[in-house]
N, C-alpha and C. Protein backbone atom coordinates (compact mmCIF):
# COMPACT_ATOMS: atom_id res chain seq x y z
N MET A 1 198.07 -17.43 -3.69
CA MET A 1 197.52 -16.41 -4.44
C MET A 1 196.23 -16.76 -5.18
N ASN A 2 195.10 -16.01 -5.04
CA ASN A 2 193.93 -16.34 -5.59
C ASN A 2 193.91 -16.32 -7.11
N LYS A 3 192.83 -16.87 -7.73
CA LYS A 3 192.65 -16.97 -9.08
C LYS A 3 192.80 -15.69 -10.08
N ARG A 4 192.21 -14.55 -9.32
CA ARG A 4 192.16 -13.23 -10.14
C ARG A 4 193.65 -12.67 -10.03
N ALA A 5 194.35 -12.84 -9.02
CA ALA A 5 195.86 -12.40 -8.68
C ALA A 5 196.65 -13.06 -9.86
N VAL A 6 196.46 -14.54 -9.87
CA VAL A 6 197.31 -15.26 -10.96
C VAL A 6 196.96 -14.92 -12.28
N GLY A 7 195.72 -14.62 -12.58
CA GLY A 7 195.31 -14.16 -13.90
C GLY A 7 195.81 -12.82 -14.21
N SER A 8 195.97 -11.97 -13.38
CA SER A 8 196.39 -10.58 -13.55
C SER A 8 197.93 -10.65 -13.76
N GLU A 9 198.65 -11.37 -13.01
CA GLU A 9 200.08 -11.64 -13.36
C GLU A 9 200.28 -12.22 -14.59
N TYR A 10 199.51 -13.19 -15.09
CA TYR A 10 199.91 -13.83 -16.27
C TYR A 10 199.37 -12.94 -17.48
N GLU A 11 198.43 -12.02 -17.28
CA GLU A 11 198.12 -11.06 -18.24
C GLU A 11 199.10 -9.89 -18.49
N ARG A 12 199.78 -9.58 -17.30
CA ARG A 12 200.96 -8.81 -17.33
C ARG A 12 202.05 -9.33 -18.18
N LYS A 13 202.54 -10.66 -17.74
CA LYS A 13 203.37 -11.27 -18.41
C LYS A 13 203.02 -11.39 -19.89
N ALA A 14 201.86 -11.62 -20.37
CA ALA A 14 201.49 -11.70 -21.62
C ALA A 14 201.62 -10.41 -22.43
N ALA A 15 201.33 -9.33 -21.76
CA ALA A 15 201.54 -7.93 -22.46
C ALA A 15 203.05 -7.77 -22.76
N GLU A 16 203.89 -8.11 -21.88
CA GLU A 16 205.32 -7.90 -22.01
C GLU A 16 205.80 -8.89 -23.23
N TYR A 17 205.31 -10.07 -23.28
CA TYR A 17 205.45 -11.12 -24.34
C TYR A 17 205.02 -10.67 -25.64
N LEU A 18 203.99 -9.80 -25.75
CA LEU A 18 203.41 -9.25 -26.95
C LEU A 18 204.13 -8.11 -27.56
N GLU A 19 204.63 -7.38 -26.36
CA GLU A 19 205.57 -6.19 -26.74
C GLU A 19 206.75 -6.77 -27.54
N LYS A 20 207.35 -7.82 -26.95
CA LYS A 20 208.61 -8.45 -27.67
C LYS A 20 208.32 -8.96 -29.08
N GLN A 21 207.07 -9.24 -29.24
CA GLN A 21 206.41 -9.67 -30.59
C GLN A 21 206.19 -8.66 -31.51
N GLY A 22 206.31 -7.26 -31.03
CA GLY A 22 206.08 -6.17 -31.86
C GLY A 22 204.73 -5.54 -31.65
N TYR A 23 203.99 -5.96 -30.70
CA TYR A 23 202.64 -5.43 -30.57
C TYR A 23 202.83 -3.97 -29.81
N GLN A 24 201.97 -3.11 -30.22
CA GLN A 24 201.85 -1.86 -29.47
C GLN A 24 200.52 -2.07 -28.44
N ILE A 25 200.76 -2.12 -27.30
CA ILE A 25 199.65 -2.37 -26.40
C ILE A 25 198.92 -0.94 -26.13
N LEU A 26 197.60 -0.99 -26.42
CA LEU A 26 196.56 0.18 -26.20
C LEU A 26 195.90 0.15 -25.03
N ALA A 27 195.46 -1.07 -24.36
CA ALA A 27 194.37 -1.14 -23.31
C ALA A 27 194.61 -2.49 -22.66
N LYS A 28 194.58 -2.64 -21.44
CA LYS A 28 194.56 -3.78 -20.67
C LYS A 28 193.17 -3.83 -19.83
N ASN A 29 192.55 -4.94 -19.77
CA ASN A 29 191.41 -5.35 -19.06
C ASN A 29 190.36 -4.32 -19.43
N TYR A 30 190.01 -4.16 -20.71
CA TYR A 30 188.87 -3.27 -21.03
C TYR A 30 187.63 -4.07 -20.85
N ARG A 31 186.82 -3.15 -20.02
CA ARG A 31 185.38 -3.64 -19.60
C ARG A 31 184.37 -2.95 -20.11
N CYS A 32 183.30 -3.56 -20.41
CA CYS A 32 182.13 -2.73 -20.66
C CYS A 32 180.93 -3.78 -20.32
N ARG A 33 179.70 -3.37 -20.64
CA ARG A 33 178.47 -4.29 -20.21
C ARG A 33 178.62 -5.55 -20.96
N PHE A 34 179.17 -5.98 -21.92
CA PHE A 34 179.02 -7.01 -22.64
C PHE A 34 180.20 -7.96 -22.28
N GLY A 35 181.24 -7.45 -21.54
CA GLY A 35 182.30 -8.33 -21.21
C GLY A 35 183.68 -7.70 -21.10
N GLU A 36 184.63 -8.43 -21.01
CA GLU A 36 186.03 -7.95 -20.83
C GLU A 36 187.05 -8.47 -21.96
N ILE A 37 187.94 -7.75 -22.21
CA ILE A 37 189.00 -8.06 -23.14
C ILE A 37 190.15 -7.85 -22.37
N ASP A 38 191.12 -8.81 -22.43
CA ASP A 38 192.25 -8.87 -21.46
C ASP A 38 193.37 -7.74 -22.10
N ILE A 39 193.60 -7.90 -23.47
CA ILE A 39 194.53 -6.95 -23.87
C ILE A 39 194.12 -6.31 -25.22
N ILE A 40 194.20 -5.11 -25.55
CA ILE A 40 193.93 -4.56 -26.96
C ILE A 40 195.32 -3.94 -27.37
N GLY A 41 195.58 -4.39 -28.62
CA GLY A 41 196.90 -3.69 -29.16
C GLY A 41 196.81 -3.46 -30.75
N LYS A 42 197.90 -3.13 -31.24
CA LYS A 42 198.12 -3.00 -32.65
C LYS A 42 199.26 -3.81 -33.09
N SER A 43 199.13 -4.60 -34.13
CA SER A 43 200.27 -5.40 -34.84
C SER A 43 200.03 -5.50 -36.19
N ASP A 44 201.02 -5.33 -37.07
CA ASP A 44 200.97 -5.63 -38.36
C ASP A 44 199.61 -4.86 -39.26
N GLY A 45 199.44 -3.74 -38.62
CA GLY A 45 198.24 -2.98 -39.27
C GLY A 45 196.95 -3.46 -38.79
N TYR A 46 196.88 -4.36 -37.91
CA TYR A 46 195.60 -4.77 -37.43
C TYR A 46 195.32 -4.33 -36.01
N LEU A 47 194.18 -4.05 -35.73
CA LEU A 47 193.72 -3.55 -34.18
C LEU A 47 193.44 -5.23 -33.53
N CYS A 48 194.14 -5.52 -32.71
CA CYS A 48 194.08 -6.84 -32.12
C CYS A 48 193.36 -6.83 -30.76
N PHE A 49 192.56 -7.73 -30.70
CA PHE A 49 191.74 -8.16 -29.34
C PHE A 49 192.43 -9.30 -28.88
N ILE A 50 192.94 -9.43 -27.71
CA ILE A 50 193.59 -10.55 -27.15
C ILE A 50 193.15 -11.13 -26.02
N GLU A 51 193.02 -12.35 -25.94
CA GLU A 51 192.59 -13.03 -24.76
C GLU A 51 193.79 -13.91 -24.26
N VAL A 52 194.01 -13.84 -22.92
CA VAL A 52 194.94 -14.60 -22.34
C VAL A 52 194.40 -15.78 -21.57
N LYS A 53 194.87 -16.99 -21.97
CA LYS A 53 194.66 -18.05 -21.06
C LYS A 53 195.80 -19.03 -20.55
N TYR A 54 195.66 -19.23 -19.41
CA TYR A 54 196.82 -19.82 -18.61
C TYR A 54 196.29 -21.26 -17.95
N ARG A 55 197.11 -22.15 -18.04
CA ARG A 55 196.94 -23.40 -17.37
C ARG A 55 198.39 -23.97 -16.80
N SER A 56 198.37 -24.52 -15.65
CA SER A 56 199.64 -25.02 -15.21
C SER A 56 200.14 -26.20 -15.76
N ASP A 57 198.92 -27.03 -16.30
CA ASP A 57 199.32 -28.22 -17.20
C ASP A 57 198.14 -28.45 -17.96
N SER A 58 198.33 -29.55 -19.00
CA SER A 58 197.25 -29.89 -19.87
C SER A 58 196.20 -30.94 -19.51
N GLU A 59 196.19 -31.34 -18.21
CA GLU A 59 195.20 -32.14 -17.65
C GLU A 59 193.73 -32.07 -18.05
N HIS A 60 193.43 -30.69 -17.94
CA HIS A 60 192.07 -30.32 -18.26
C HIS A 60 192.01 -29.64 -19.76
N GLY A 61 192.86 -30.04 -20.64
CA GLY A 61 192.85 -29.49 -21.90
C GLY A 61 193.85 -28.18 -22.14
N PHE A 62 193.98 -27.81 -23.38
CA PHE A 62 194.88 -26.62 -23.60
C PHE A 62 194.16 -25.32 -23.24
N PRO A 63 194.90 -24.40 -22.94
CA PRO A 63 194.19 -23.00 -22.41
C PRO A 63 193.46 -22.48 -23.41
N SER A 64 193.82 -22.60 -24.66
CA SER A 64 193.00 -21.88 -25.72
C SER A 64 191.56 -22.59 -25.99
N GLU A 65 191.45 -23.84 -25.55
CA GLU A 65 190.25 -24.53 -25.63
C GLU A 65 189.19 -23.97 -24.78
N ALA A 66 189.56 -23.04 -23.85
CA ALA A 66 188.57 -22.36 -23.01
C ALA A 66 187.81 -21.16 -23.69
N VAL A 67 188.30 -20.85 -24.79
CA VAL A 67 187.72 -19.66 -25.62
C VAL A 67 186.68 -20.29 -26.53
N ASP A 68 185.65 -20.76 -26.00
CA ASP A 68 184.43 -21.39 -26.71
C ASP A 68 183.57 -20.39 -27.47
N ASN A 69 182.54 -20.88 -28.21
CA ASN A 69 181.72 -19.98 -29.07
C ASN A 69 181.24 -18.72 -28.06
N ARG A 70 180.65 -19.15 -27.00
CA ARG A 70 180.06 -18.24 -26.20
C ARG A 70 181.08 -17.13 -25.76
N LYS A 71 182.16 -17.52 -25.41
CA LYS A 71 183.33 -16.51 -25.00
C LYS A 71 183.73 -15.70 -26.34
N GLN A 72 183.81 -16.36 -27.47
CA GLN A 72 184.13 -15.47 -28.58
C GLN A 72 183.03 -14.50 -28.80
N LYS A 73 181.89 -14.74 -28.83
CA LYS A 73 180.61 -13.78 -29.11
C LYS A 73 180.87 -12.77 -28.11
N ARG A 74 181.11 -12.92 -26.84
CA ARG A 74 181.27 -11.83 -25.88
C ARG A 74 182.41 -11.03 -26.15
N ILE A 75 183.52 -11.60 -26.68
CA ILE A 75 184.76 -10.76 -27.07
C ILE A 75 184.55 -9.97 -28.17
N VAL A 76 183.66 -10.51 -29.07
CA VAL A 76 183.48 -9.64 -30.37
C VAL A 76 182.58 -8.48 -30.04
N ARG A 77 181.43 -8.67 -29.28
CA ARG A 77 180.66 -7.64 -28.92
C ARG A 77 181.32 -6.54 -27.95
N THR A 78 182.19 -7.07 -27.21
CA THR A 78 183.06 -6.05 -26.42
C THR A 78 183.94 -5.29 -27.21
N ALA A 79 184.55 -6.00 -28.48
CA ALA A 79 185.42 -5.37 -29.28
C ALA A 79 184.63 -4.20 -30.13
N LEU A 80 183.57 -4.56 -30.46
CA LEU A 80 182.70 -3.52 -31.33
C LEU A 80 182.33 -2.33 -30.35
N THR A 81 181.98 -2.58 -29.09
CA THR A 81 181.83 -1.41 -28.12
C THR A 81 183.16 -0.61 -28.17
N TYR A 82 184.45 -1.29 -27.84
CA TYR A 82 185.61 -0.46 -27.81
C TYR A 82 185.78 0.39 -29.05
N MET A 83 185.62 -0.23 -30.21
CA MET A 83 185.77 0.37 -31.44
C MET A 83 184.91 1.64 -31.66
N HIS A 84 183.63 1.58 -31.23
CA HIS A 84 182.64 2.59 -31.28
C HIS A 84 183.04 3.76 -30.42
N PHE A 85 183.34 3.38 -29.06
CA PHE A 85 183.72 4.36 -28.11
C PHE A 85 185.10 5.00 -28.27
N ASN A 86 185.81 4.47 -29.05
CA ASN A 86 187.36 4.96 -29.42
C ASN A 86 187.29 5.48 -30.79
N ASN A 87 186.20 5.61 -31.58
CA ASN A 87 186.21 6.17 -32.97
C ASN A 87 186.83 5.57 -34.01
N TYR A 88 186.90 4.10 -33.91
CA TYR A 88 187.48 3.41 -35.00
C TYR A 88 186.55 3.20 -36.16
N PRO A 89 186.65 3.34 -37.32
CA PRO A 89 185.84 3.00 -38.43
C PRO A 89 185.37 1.58 -38.43
N GLU A 90 184.21 1.33 -39.01
CA GLU A 90 183.71 -0.07 -39.04
C GLU A 90 184.70 -0.84 -39.82
N ASP A 91 185.48 -0.40 -40.81
CA ASP A 91 186.32 -1.09 -41.77
C ASP A 91 187.71 -1.20 -41.28
N THR A 92 187.92 -0.99 -40.07
CA THR A 92 189.24 -1.01 -39.36
C THR A 92 189.63 -2.51 -39.39
N PRO A 93 190.74 -2.88 -40.09
CA PRO A 93 191.25 -4.28 -39.96
C PRO A 93 191.48 -4.77 -38.43
N CYS A 94 190.67 -5.75 -38.04
CA CYS A 94 190.74 -6.36 -36.66
C CYS A 94 191.10 -7.85 -36.71
N ARG A 95 191.57 -8.27 -35.62
CA ARG A 95 192.06 -9.64 -35.51
C ARG A 95 191.94 -10.07 -33.97
N PHE A 96 191.36 -11.27 -33.96
CA PHE A 96 191.32 -11.78 -32.42
C PHE A 96 192.27 -12.94 -32.17
N ASP A 97 193.07 -12.52 -31.28
CA ASP A 97 194.34 -13.44 -30.96
C ASP A 97 194.10 -14.05 -29.59
N ILE A 98 194.93 -15.13 -29.33
CA ILE A 98 194.84 -15.71 -27.94
C ILE A 98 196.41 -15.98 -27.67
N VAL A 99 196.78 -15.63 -26.56
CA VAL A 99 198.08 -15.82 -25.91
C VAL A 99 197.68 -17.06 -24.96
N GLU A 100 198.27 -18.20 -25.25
CA GLU A 100 198.06 -19.31 -24.46
C GLU A 100 199.29 -19.65 -23.59
N ILE A 101 199.21 -19.77 -22.25
CA ILE A 101 200.30 -20.02 -21.55
C ILE A 101 200.07 -21.44 -20.80
N LEU A 102 200.93 -22.27 -21.26
CA LEU A 102 200.91 -23.58 -20.49
C LEU A 102 202.14 -23.92 -19.61
N ASP A 103 201.95 -23.92 -18.43
CA ASP A 103 203.06 -23.73 -17.51
C ASP A 103 203.73 -22.41 -17.65
N ASN A 104 204.92 -22.59 -18.31
CA ASN A 104 205.69 -21.19 -18.41
C ASN A 104 206.08 -21.10 -20.00
N GLU A 105 205.27 -21.98 -20.73
CA GLU A 105 205.51 -21.86 -22.28
C GLU A 105 204.42 -20.85 -22.93
N TYR A 106 204.95 -19.96 -23.59
CA TYR A 106 203.94 -18.90 -24.39
C TYR A 106 203.66 -19.37 -25.81
N SER A 107 202.39 -19.24 -26.19
CA SER A 107 202.19 -19.48 -27.61
C SER A 107 201.23 -18.36 -28.00
N LEU A 108 201.46 -17.75 -29.20
CA LEU A 108 200.56 -16.77 -29.88
C LEU A 108 199.88 -17.34 -30.90
N ILE A 109 198.43 -17.29 -30.79
CA ILE A 109 197.54 -17.83 -31.74
C ILE A 109 197.02 -16.64 -32.57
N LYS A 110 197.53 -16.24 -33.58
CA LYS A 110 197.04 -15.15 -34.43
C LYS A 110 195.76 -15.55 -35.18
N ASN A 111 194.75 -14.49 -35.14
CA ASN A 111 193.50 -14.91 -36.02
C ASN A 111 192.89 -16.11 -35.45
N ALA A 112 192.79 -16.32 -34.08
CA ALA A 112 192.31 -17.57 -33.56
C ALA A 112 190.84 -17.90 -33.95
N PHE A 113 190.09 -16.69 -34.03
CA PHE A 113 188.65 -17.02 -34.42
C PHE A 113 188.15 -15.67 -35.28
N GLU A 114 187.12 -15.99 -36.04
CA GLU A 114 186.66 -14.90 -36.78
C GLU A 114 185.77 -13.90 -35.98
N GLY A 115 185.54 -12.74 -36.33
CA GLY A 115 184.80 -11.75 -35.52
C GLY A 115 183.54 -11.50 -36.21
N ILE A 116 182.98 -12.31 -37.08
CA ILE A 116 181.68 -12.20 -37.73
C ILE A 116 180.67 -13.14 -37.21
N TRP A 117 179.46 -12.42 -36.61
CA TRP A 117 178.37 -13.28 -36.10
C TRP A 117 177.11 -12.77 -36.54
């Protein structure tokens, strides 16, 4: 299985995991000219932009460590575009979460980074 197929499979599993955690999934693989957001959902009154990261082992670090400052900025710009085109007000409570998958262990990191740049 190629990397994209593996990524798609784990994004699907992450969406199922999030639904079990009480998230309402609004979109998957949202793309615009600024980048992509794996999953967009709602939870606890927040509009959540969720990055999914998978690693088969921790030899090269934990999956969430791959969401560096550059990636965070890209996600924030993409989130702002999503909000604009879907008519969300600027003061909508938002959160940036990460679903970290290490082998088959799932961890949810709520509010993993701030969306102000």
